[in-house]
């Protein structure tokens, strides 16, 4: 991927992304990272470009979130992507992956926050 846009989706009544200061990692292969604005409650997004990565399970981004005690479903939606071969798309899909507390592939991870 050379260019992309994604968003974290989470229960707005229980979780939020603290601030941009909560970002603990941005893949350095990309020179530019920008927050996606206008997403509304329950979502936080980033767009990235001026770089390139390939492979499976490439770490792209880390952010600290704040959630109330309980189990919450949190996902990552791929909004847009493009590569250097001109292949692009805007699927706006939360792809299933092996994240969270379950043993199967799911679109949203179950995250347990203890009091």
Foldseek 3Di string as FASTA:
>chain_A
DAKFKKKKFWPLVFKDFDDPVQKDDAPPQFPDKDWDPDPDGRMTMIITHPGDDDDPPDDGTDGDMGGDADKIWMAMFTQKDADPVGDIDGPRDQFFDPDADDDDTDSTHTDGDHD
